[in-house]
C-alpha cells in the first residue's frame, strides 16, 4: 500500500511529530520533567521550518508541488525518475559553478511500500581526466534531522548545505556527485530505508539521461551519512545488484544501534543527547507498532519534546536536547529500550546475509564522545573481518567525533576517487 506524505499510519505516530502542530506548540518551552528530573528553562527556539521561508527565496519542500507524489507512484519501478528539473545550487548565497539536476524518484521503504524522494545530481564543468568513464560519487550528508527542509535537495539550492566543502573535492576532481534525500519526505532517520533510497538515487542518476549510465560508483558518508552509506553497501547485493559500486568510504557510523542506544539516551554525554532522541523518533516514524509503544512510555514533557523536534534540523536539535537526556523523559527507560529493540536491531549492521560485497574504508575516532567505538562499530568491523570482507578499519587517535571526520578527509576522498576509477583498494586492515 502506498504511504502518503499527507497522512500517517498511526494516530500515535502523528503525535510523535509527523502531523503538523500549532505554531505555539512547536516553539513552546519544555520545562516540565518527570518526577526526580532536574527542571530548567531555555529560551524559545524557532525551528528551521519557520525560519527558512523568511530568509530563503525558494519554497521549502513542504510547500513545493514539485515534490508531490504522483497518483500512480506504485506503477514506477525502484529508481525510476518521476520528474526532473534543472536548478541552481548555491554556496552561502553564491551560485555554484556546476550543472545541477534534481530528480524525483520512486523507492521503497522497509515494508516495501512505494515512496518518492528527491536526489540532486551535480556535474562539474571540467572533464574527468582519469581512466575510464567519469565516476559517480554518491555523497551521503549527515542530515540528522526530522524536518524535510533539512534535506539536501533544499539546502543545496538554498546555499546552506553544511558539507559542501567535502563534496566539492569530488567535483574538483571531475567526478559527478549524486546527493539523495535518503531519509525521504518523512525523515525516517537511521532506518534501513536509508540504504534503499541511496541505491535508488544512484539508479535514478544513471537513468536520468545525464550521460552517467556506465559510470562506476563510489559511496561516501560520515556519521549519519556514514550510516546511510553503510546501509547501501550492505543492501546492494540483494536490493540493487546491477549497480557497479566500486567501494564505500564510511566513517563515524552508529553501526550497532542496540548497543549504542542505552548510552545515547542516558545523558552521560550531553552532546550525544540528540542522537538518542532523533534515532528513536526517526525509527518510530518507520515502525508504527514501535511508535504506539513509545508514546506510552514518553512522559507529558517527553511528548512535548518529541513534538518540538519534529521539524528541526541538526543544530537546533542539538541545542534543544543538550540538557534533556531522553531517559529522563521516559516513564520506564529499560522497558522503552526493550520495546525499541526490534527496530534498533533491524537498523543495525553486521547481519551475515547483508555482508558487503565491495571494499569498505571505515574510520572511527578512538575517543568518540557521541558514538563510542566499543559500542558503535567495533563488533561490526570484527564481524566483517571474520567473514572475509575486503575492509580497511582505521582508528583515528587524538580526536573526537567532528575532528575524526576532518582529519582523514583528504585521504578518504583520494581513496574513493582512486577505487572508483579502478585502482586496487589496498591491503585489508582489521
Protein backbone atom coordinates (compact mmCIF):
# COMPACT_ATOMS: atom_id res chain seq x y z
CA UNK A 1 0.00 0.00 0.00
CA UNK A 2 1.31 3.43 -0.88
CA UNK A 3 2.45 5.58 2.01
CA UNK A 4 1.01 9.07 1.85
CA UNK A 5 3.04 12.10 2.80
CA UNK A 6 -0.08 13.93 3.91
CA UNK A 7 -1.26 11.43 6.48
CA UNK A 8 0.46 8.97 8.77
CA UNK A 9 -0.07 5.34 9.52
CA UNK A 10 -0.86 5.57 13.21
CA UNK A 11 -2.56 8.11 15.49
CA UNK A 12 0.36 7.71 17.89
CA UNK A 13 2.82 8.27 15.06
CA UNK A 14 1.11 11.53 14.21
CA UNK A 15 1.54 12.64 17.80
CA UNK A 16 5.23 11.79 17.59
CA UNK A 17 5.75 14.55 15.12
CA UNK A 18 4.75 13.76 11.55
CA UNK A 19 1.45 15.64 11.71
CA UNK A 20 1.52 19.43 11.66
CA UNK A 21 1.16 21.03 15.09
CA UNK A 22 0.14 24.55 16.01
CA UNK A 23 2.95 27.07 15.84
CA UNK A 24 2.76 27.69 19.57
CA UNK A 25 3.31 24.01 20.35
CA UNK A 26 6.39 23.86 18.14
CA UNK A 27 8.12 26.72 19.93
CA UNK A 28 6.82 26.25 23.46
CA UNK A 29 9.29 25.87 26.27
CA UNK A 30 9.78 22.35 27.51
CA UNK A 31 10.25 23.00 31.19
CA UNK A 32 8.47 20.20 32.98
CA UNK A 33 10.40 16.99 33.50
CA UNK A 34 9.35 13.73 35.10
CA UNK A 35 9.49 13.27 38.83
CA UNK A 36 13.07 13.43 40.00
CA UNK A 37 14.35 15.11 36.84
CA UNK A 38 16.08 18.46 37.08
CA UNK A 39 13.79 21.26 35.87
CA UNK A 40 15.23 24.12 33.85
CA UNK A 41 14.23 26.70 31.28
CA UNK A 42 15.65 27.60 27.90
CA UNK A 43 14.63 30.49 25.63
CA UNK A 44 12.10 29.68 22.91
CA UNK A 45 13.97 28.38 19.88
CA UNK A 46 12.32 28.77 16.46
CA UNK A 47 12.77 25.81 14.15
CA UNK A 48 14.07 25.90 10.61
CA UNK A 49 10.64 25.27 9.09
CA UNK A 50 9.71 28.70 10.46
CA UNK A 51 12.99 30.49 9.76
CA UNK A 52 13.90 29.33 6.25
CA UNK A 53 10.76 30.64 4.47
CA UNK A 54 11.50 34.07 5.92
CA UNK A 55 15.11 34.24 4.71
CA UNK A 56 15.43 31.86 1.72
CA UNK A 57 13.72 32.90 -1.55
CA UNK A 58 12.68 29.38 -2.58
CA UNK A 59 9.80 27.33 -1.15
CA UNK A 60 10.58 24.60 1.33
CA UNK A 61 9.76 21.05 0.18
CA UNK A 62 6.59 21.05 2.26
CA UNK A 63 5.30 23.91 0.07
CA UNK A 64 6.86 22.97 -3.28
CA UNK A 65 4.46 21.00 -5.54
CA UNK A 66 7.42 19.51 -7.42
CA UNK A 67 7.86 17.04 -4.54
CA UNK A 68 4.28 15.74 -4.70
CA UNK A 69 3.74 12.01 -5.15
CA UNK A 70 2.18 11.04 -8.49
CA UNK A 71 -1.15 9.26 -8.31
CA UNK A 72 0.41 6.18 -9.91
CA UNK A 73 3.55 6.02 -7.73
CA UNK A 74 3.18 2.26 -7.30
CA UNK A 75 3.44 1.81 -11.06
CA UNK A 76 7.05 3.02 -11.14
CA UNK A 77 9.98 0.68 -10.56
CA UNK A 78 12.52 1.39 -7.85
CA UNK A 79 14.93 4.03 -9.11
CA UNK A 80 12.65 5.26 -11.89
CA UNK A 81 12.58 9.02 -12.47
CA UNK A 82 9.16 10.55 -11.87
CA UNK A 83 10.06 14.09 -12.87
CA UNK A 84 13.16 16.26 -13.19
CA UNK A 85 14.19 19.90 -13.18
CA UNK A 86 17.35 21.93 -13.66
CA UNK A 87 18.13 24.06 -10.61
CA UNK A 88 20.79 26.47 -9.40
CA UNK A 89 22.71 25.31 -6.37
CA UNK A 90 24.45 27.82 -4.11
CA UNK A 91 27.25 28.07 -1.58
CA UNK A 92 26.47 30.73 1.03
CA UNK A 93 24.37 32.63 -1.49
CA UNK A 94 26.91 32.39 -4.32
CA UNK A 95 25.84 30.33 -7.38
CA UNK A 96 27.85 27.12 -7.58
CA UNK A 97 29.67 26.58 -10.92
CA UNK A 98 28.16 23.15 -11.57
CA UNK A 99 25.22 21.90 -13.62
CA UNK A 100 22.57 20.75 -11.15
CA UNK A 101 19.64 18.49 -11.98
CA UNK A 102 17.07 17.34 -9.46
CA UNK A 103 15.19 14.09 -9.91
CA UNK A 104 12.10 12.92 -8.07
CA UNK A 105 12.30 9.14 -7.95
CA UNK A 106 10.48 6.11 -6.67
CA UNK A 107 11.96 4.00 -3.88
CA UNK A 108 10.59 1.56 -1.28
CA UNK A 109 10.52 1.69 2.50
CA UNK A 110 11.36 -1.27 4.74
CA UNK A 111 7.77 -2.51 4.43
CA UNK A 112 8.08 -2.45 0.60
CA UNK A 113 5.63 0.44 0.33
CA UNK A 114 6.38 2.73 -2.63
CA UNK A 115 7.74 6.12 -1.60
CA UNK A 116 9.05 9.12 -3.52
CA UNK A 117 12.18 11.04 -2.66
CA UNK A 118 14.45 13.54 -4.37
CA UNK A 119 18.06 13.47 -5.46
CA UNK A 120 20.37 16.16 -6.81
CA UNK A 121 22.95 15.33 -9.48
CA UNK A 122 25.91 17.72 -9.72
CA UNK A 123 28.00 17.72 -12.90
CA UNK A 124 31.27 19.69 -12.89
CA UNK A 125 32.15 21.82 -15.88
CA UNK A 126 35.53 20.12 -16.24
CA UNK A 127 36.38 16.79 -17.85
CA UNK A 128 37.27 13.63 -15.98
CA UNK A 129 40.95 13.04 -16.72
CA UNK A 130 41.25 9.68 -15.01
CA UNK A 131 40.89 6.26 -16.65
CA UNK A 132 37.52 5.06 -17.87
CA UNK A 133 34.16 6.78 -17.60
CA UNK A 134 33.53 9.74 -15.31
CA UNK A 135 32.78 8.23 -11.88
CA UNK A 136 29.61 8.96 -9.94
CA UNK A 137 30.11 9.60 -6.23
CA UNK A 138 27.03 9.06 -4.10
CA UNK A 139 27.57 11.57 -1.31
CA UNK A 140 25.58 11.00 1.88
CA UNK A 141 25.38 14.06 4.09
CA UNK A 142 24.84 13.70 7.84
CA UNK A 143 21.27 15.00 7.59
CA UNK A 144 20.48 14.07 11.22
CA UNK A 145 17.15 15.89 11.20
CA UNK A 146 13.42 15.25 11.40
CA UNK A 147 12.36 18.15 9.15
CA UNK A 148 12.01 17.80 5.38
CA UNK A 149 13.50 21.26 4.81
CA UNK A 150 16.78 19.92 6.23
CA UNK A 151 17.26 17.54 3.29
CA UNK A 152 19.99 18.33 0.74
CA UNK A 153 17.65 18.84 -2.23
CA UNK A 154 16.57 22.01 -0.43
CA UNK A 155 19.75 23.05 1.37
CA UNK A 156 21.86 22.79 -1.80
CA UNK A 157 19.55 25.22 -3.58
CA UNK A 158 19.33 27.47 -0.53
CA UNK A 159 23.12 27.61 -0.12
CA UNK A 160 23.10 26.21 3.42
CA UNK A 161 24.27 22.64 2.83
CA UNK A 162 26.77 22.00 5.61
CA UNK A 163 29.16 19.55 3.90
CA UNK A 164 29.69 21.28 0.58
CA UNK A 165 33.43 21.70 1.27
CA UNK A 166 33.96 17.93 1.21
CA UNK A 167 31.58 17.39 -1.68
CA UNK A 168 33.41 20.00 -3.77
CA UNK A 169 36.61 17.94 -3.65
CA UNK A 170 34.97 15.21 -5.73
CA UNK A 171 33.64 17.80 -8.18
CA UNK A 172 37.05 19.47 -8.45
CA UNK A 173 38.49 16.11 -9.49
CA UNK A 174 35.98 15.88 -12.34
CA UNK A 175 33.65 13.32 -10.77
CA UNK A 176 29.87 13.66 -10.85
CA UNK A 177 28.12 13.71 -7.47
CA UNK A 178 24.63 12.49 -6.57
CA UNK A 179 23.18 13.69 -3.26
CA UNK A 180 19.97 11.92 -2.27
CA UNK A 181 17.37 12.83 0.34
CA UNK A 182 17.95 9.41 1.86
CA UNK A 183 15.65 9.98 4.84
CA UNK A 184 12.74 10.66 2.50
CA UNK A 185 9.86 13.03 2.99
CA UNK A 186 9.11 11.70 6.46
CA UNK A 187 12.77 11.81 7.55
CA UNK A 188 12.86 8.27 8.92
CA UNK A 189 16.33 8.69 10.40
CA UNK A 190 18.51 5.59 10.86
CA UNK A 191 16.03 3.17 9.30
CA UNK A 192 17.12 0.62 6.67
CA UNK A 193 15.13 2.66 4.15
CA UNK A 194 18.14 4.99 4.04
CA UNK A 195 20.22 2.44 2.14
CA UNK A 196 17.39 1.74 -0.28
CA UNK A 197 16.94 5.42 -1.08
CA UNK A 198 20.70 5.84 -1.61
CA UNK A 199 20.72 2.94 -4.07
CA UNK A 200 17.62 4.20 -5.86
CA UNK A 201 19.14 7.68 -6.05
CA UNK A 202 22.10 6.15 -7.90
CA UNK A 203 19.74 4.27 -10.19
CA UNK A 204 17.85 7.47 -10.96
CA UNK A 205 21.07 9.37 -11.70
CA UNK A 206 22.06 6.66 -14.18
CA UNK A 207 18.60 6.52 -15.76
CA UNK A 208 18.09 10.28 -15.92
CA UNK A 209 19.68 10.90 -19.32
CA UNK A 210 22.71 12.67 -17.84
CA UNK A 211 25.40 10.57 -19.51
CA UNK A 212 26.12 8.56 -16.37
CA UNK A 213 24.71 5.22 -17.50
CA UNK A 214 28.11 3.49 -17.43
CA UNK A 215 29.61 5.45 -14.54
CA UNK A 216 31.42 3.45 -11.86
CA UNK A 217 30.06 4.38 -8.44
CA UNK A 218 31.56 5.16 -5.05
CA UNK A 219 29.81 5.83 -1.73
CA UNK A 220 30.98 8.45 0.78
CA UNK A 221 29.47 9.45 4.11
CA UNK A 222 30.34 10.24 7.71
CA UNK A 223 28.27 9.92 10.89
CA UNK A 224 24.61 9.96 9.81
CA UNK A 225 25.84 9.98 6.21
CA UNK A 226 28.15 7.07 7.01
CA UNK A 227 25.13 5.21 8.34
CA UNK A 228 23.33 5.67 5.01
CA UNK A 229 26.44 4.68 3.04
CA UNK A 230 26.96 1.55 5.14
CA UNK A 231 23.28 0.67 4.76
CA UNK A 232 23.58 0.95 0.98
CA UNK A 233 26.80 -1.09 0.97
CA UNK A 234 25.11 -3.88 2.92
CA UNK A 235 21.89 -3.89 0.86
CA UNK A 236 23.35 -3.57 -2.64
CA UNK A 237 23.79 -7.33 -3.09
CA UNK A 238 20.09 -8.08 -2.59
CA UNK A 239 18.38 -4.79 -3.45
CA UNK A 240 20.36 -3.34 -6.37
CA UNK A 241 22.82 -6.00 -7.61
CA UNK A 242 23.16 -4.37 -11.03
CA UNK A 243 24.88 -1.26 -9.64
CA UNK A 244 28.63 -1.15 -10.23
CA UNK A 245 29.67 0.18 -6.82
CA UNK A 246 33.45 0.03 -6.50
CA UNK A 247 33.83 0.94 -2.84
CA UNK A 248 32.37 2.72 0.16
CA UNK A 249 34.11 5.27 2.39
CA UNK A 250 32.03 5.26 5.57
CA UNK A 251 33.16 6.79 8.84
CA UNK A 252 31.82 7.53 12.31
CA UNK A 253 29.00 5.01 11.98
CA UNK A 254 26.41 4.14 14.66
CA UNK A 255 26.56 0.55 13.45
CA UNK A 256 25.23 -1.41 16.44
CA UNK A 257 22.17 0.58 17.43
CA UNK A 258 21.10 -1.91 20.08
CA UNK A 259 24.42 -1.46 21.88
CA UNK A 260 24.64 2.32 21.49
CA UNK A 261 21.02 3.14 22.43
CA UNK A 262 21.38 2.94 26.26
CA UNK A 263 24.33 5.35 26.09
CA UNK A 264 22.56 7.67 23.63
CA UNK A 265 19.53 8.20 25.88
CA UNK A 266 21.38 8.18 29.20
CA UNK A 267 22.71 11.74 29.35
CA UNK A 268 26.24 10.55 30.19
CA UNK A 269 27.48 12.81 27.40
CA UNK A 270 25.12 15.78 26.89
CA UNK A 271 26.46 16.39 23.37
CA UNK A 272 25.13 12.95 22.44
CA UNK A 273 21.59 13.53 23.71
CA UNK A 274 20.33 14.46 20.25
CA UNK A 275 21.45 11.12 18.83
CA UNK A 276 19.11 9.22 21.13
CA UNK A 277 16.12 11.46 20.54
CA UNK A 278 16.47 11.63 16.75
CA UNK A 279 17.22 7.94 16.21
CA UNK A 280 14.31 6.78 18.37
CA UNK A 281 11.85 9.25 16.85
CA UNK A 282 13.07 8.55 13.31
CA UNK A 283 12.65 4.80 13.75
CA UNK A 284 9.21 5.37 15.26
CA UNK A 285 8.18 7.02 12.01
CA UNK A 286 9.23 3.90 10.09
CA UNK A 287 7.78 1.34 12.51
CA UNK A 288 4.24 2.33 13.61
CA UNK A 289 3.98 -0.52 16.10
CA UNK A 290 7.00 0.86 17.93
CA UNK A 291 5.57 4.39 17.73
CA UNK A 292 2.46 3.23 19.59
CA UNK A 293 4.60 1.73 22.35
CA UNK A 294 6.95 4.70 22.56
CA UNK A 295 4.07 7.11 23.02
CA UNK A 296 3.01 5.16 26.11
CA UNK A 297 6.47 5.45 27.66
CA UNK A 298 7.01 9.16 26.99
CA UNK A 299 6.09 11.46 29.85
CA UNK A 300 3.94 14.51 29.06
CA UNK A 301 7.13 16.58 28.93
CA UNK A 302 8.73 13.94 26.70
CA UNK A 303 5.82 14.17 24.29
CA UNK A 304 6.30 17.93 24.12
CA UNK A 305 9.99 17.48 23.33
CA UNK A 306 9.10 14.97 20.60
CA UNK A 307 6.60 17.42 19.13
CA UNK A 308 9.14 20.24 19.30
CA UNK A 309 11.79 18.21 17.45
CA UNK A 310 9.52 17.12 14.61
CA UNK A 311 10.71 19.77 12.11
CA UNK A 312 14.09 20.74 13.49
CA UNK A 313 17.38 20.43 11.64
CA UNK A 314 20.62 19.27 13.22
CA UNK A 315 21.89 22.32 15.04
CA UNK A 316 18.67 23.35 16.76
CA UNK A 317 18.01 19.69 17.60
CA UNK A 318 21.37 19.60 19.39
CA UNK A 319 20.52 22.80 21.26
CA UNK A 320 17.04 21.60 22.19
CA UNK A 321 18.23 18.28 23.60
CA UNK A 322 21.57 19.31 25.11
CA UNK A 323 20.16 19.38 28.66
CA UNK A 324 17.36 16.91 28.01
CA UNK A 325 18.55 13.28 28.08
CA UNK A 326 15.77 11.11 26.73
CA UNK A 327 15.89 8.70 29.67
CA UNK A 328 14.58 11.46 31.95
CA UNK A 329 11.52 11.82 29.72
CA UNK A 330 10.55 8.14 29.76
CA UNK A 331 8.45 6.58 32.49
CA UNK A 332 10.46 3.34 32.24
CA UNK A 333 13.66 3.69 30.15
CA UNK A 334 14.51 -0.02 30.27
CA UNK A 335 11.05 -1.05 29.10
CA UNK A 336 11.16 1.60 26.37
CA UNK A 337 14.51 0.26 25.15
CA UNK A 338 13.08 -3.26 25.14
CA UNK A 339 10.18 -2.03 23.00
CA UNK A 340 12.64 -0.32 20.67
CA UNK A 341 14.92 -3.33 20.35
CA UNK A 342 13.30 -4.90 17.23
CA UNK A 343 13.54 -1.60 15.33
CA UNK A 344 17.07 -0.94 16.60
CA UNK A 345 18.16 -4.45 15.61
CA UNK A 346 16.64 -4.13 12.14
CA UNK A 347 18.52 -0.86 11.64
CA UNK A 348 21.85 -2.25 12.89
CA UNK A 349 24.60 -3.55 10.64
CA UNK A 350 26.55 -6.78 10.57
CA UNK A 351 23.94 -9.45 9.78
CA UNK A 352 25.68 -12.21 7.78
CA UNK A 353 23.09 -12.05 4.99
CA UNK A 354 23.94 -8.36 4.50
CA UNK A 355 27.71 -8.75 4.29
CA UNK A 356 29.11 -6.08 1.91
CA UNK A 357 30.50 -7.40 -1.36
CA UNK A 358 32.51 -4.26 -2.11
CA UNK A 359 35.63 -2.91 -0.35
CA UNK A 360 34.73 -0.55 2.52
CA UNK A 361 37.05 2.04 4.02
CA UNK A 362 35.88 2.57 7.60
CA UNK A 363 37.24 5.01 10.15
CA UNK A 364 36.26 5.97 13.69
CA UNK A 365 37.67 8.10 16.48
CA UNK A 366 39.26 6.15 19.32
CA UNK A 367 37.70 8.69 21.72
CA UNK A 368 34.40 9.49 20.00
CA UNK A 369 32.21 11.32 22.52
CA UNK A 370 28.99 10.84 20.52
CA UNK A 371 29.41 7.28 19.28
CA UNK A 372 31.98 5.37 21.37
CA UNK A 373 33.68 2.88 19.08
CA UNK A 374 33.36 -0.03 21.50
CA UNK A 375 29.58 0.35 21.36
CA UNK A 376 29.02 1.67 17.85
CA UNK A 377 31.30 -0.15 15.44
CA UNK A 378 33.94 -2.49 16.92
CA UNK A 379 31.79 -5.64 16.77
CA UNK A 380 30.53 -4.77 13.29
CA UNK A 381 34.07 -4.31 11.95
CA UNK A 382 35.24 -7.52 13.64
CA UNK A 383 32.38 -9.42 12.02
CA UNK A 384 33.27 -8.05 8.59
CA UNK A 385 36.87 -9.14 9.08
CA UNK A 386 35.84 -12.61 10.25
CA UNK A 387 33.68 -13.09 7.16
CA UNK A 388 36.45 -12.05 4.78
CA UNK A 389 35.18 -8.62 3.75
CA UNK A 390 37.89 -6.61 1.98
CA UNK A 391 37.75 -3.97 4.71
CA UNK A 392 40.10 -1.24 5.97
CA UNK A 393 39.17 -0.24 9.56
CA UNK A 394 41.16 2.84 10.55
CA UNK A 395 41.28 4.13 14.15
CA UNK A 396 41.73 7.90 14.41
CA UNK A 397 43.67 8.80 17.60
CA UNK A 398 43.68 12.13 19.47
CA UNK A 399 40.28 13.07 18.07
CA UNK A 400 36.59 13.33 18.78
CA UNK A 401 33.57 12.88 16.52
CA UNK A 402 33.92 16.04 14.42
CA UNK A 403 37.71 16.13 14.07
CA UNK A 404 37.66 12.44 13.11
CA UNK A 405 35.74 13.47 10.01
CA UNK A 406 38.04 16.36 9.12
CA UNK A 407 41.49 14.87 9.79
CA UNK A 408 41.20 11.85 7.41
CA UNK A 409 39.06 13.75 4.89
CA UNK A 410 41.62 14.20 2.11
CA UNK A 411 42.75 10.60 2.35
CA UNK A 412 39.23 9.17 2.22
CA UNK A 413 38.33 11.34 -0.78
CA UNK A 414 41.51 10.33 -2.63
CA UNK A 415 40.96 6.64 -1.81
CA UNK A 416 37.38 6.65 -3.09
CA UNK A 417 38.24 8.50 -6.30
CA UNK A 418 41.05 6.03 -7.00
CA UNK A 419 38.94 2.95 -6.25
CA UNK A 420 36.04 4.27 -8.33
CA UNK A 421 38.50 4.71 -11.20
CA UNK A 422 39.59 1.08 -10.92
CA UNK A 423 42.60 1.24 -8.58
CA UNK A 424 43.35 -1.54 -6.12
CA UNK A 425 41.77 -0.65 -2.74
CA UNK A 426 44.92 -1.62 -0.85
CA UNK A 427 45.56 -4.12 1.95
CA UNK A 428 42.95 -5.18 4.46
CA UNK A 429 43.16 -3.55 7.89
CA UNK A 430 41.23 -5.29 10.66
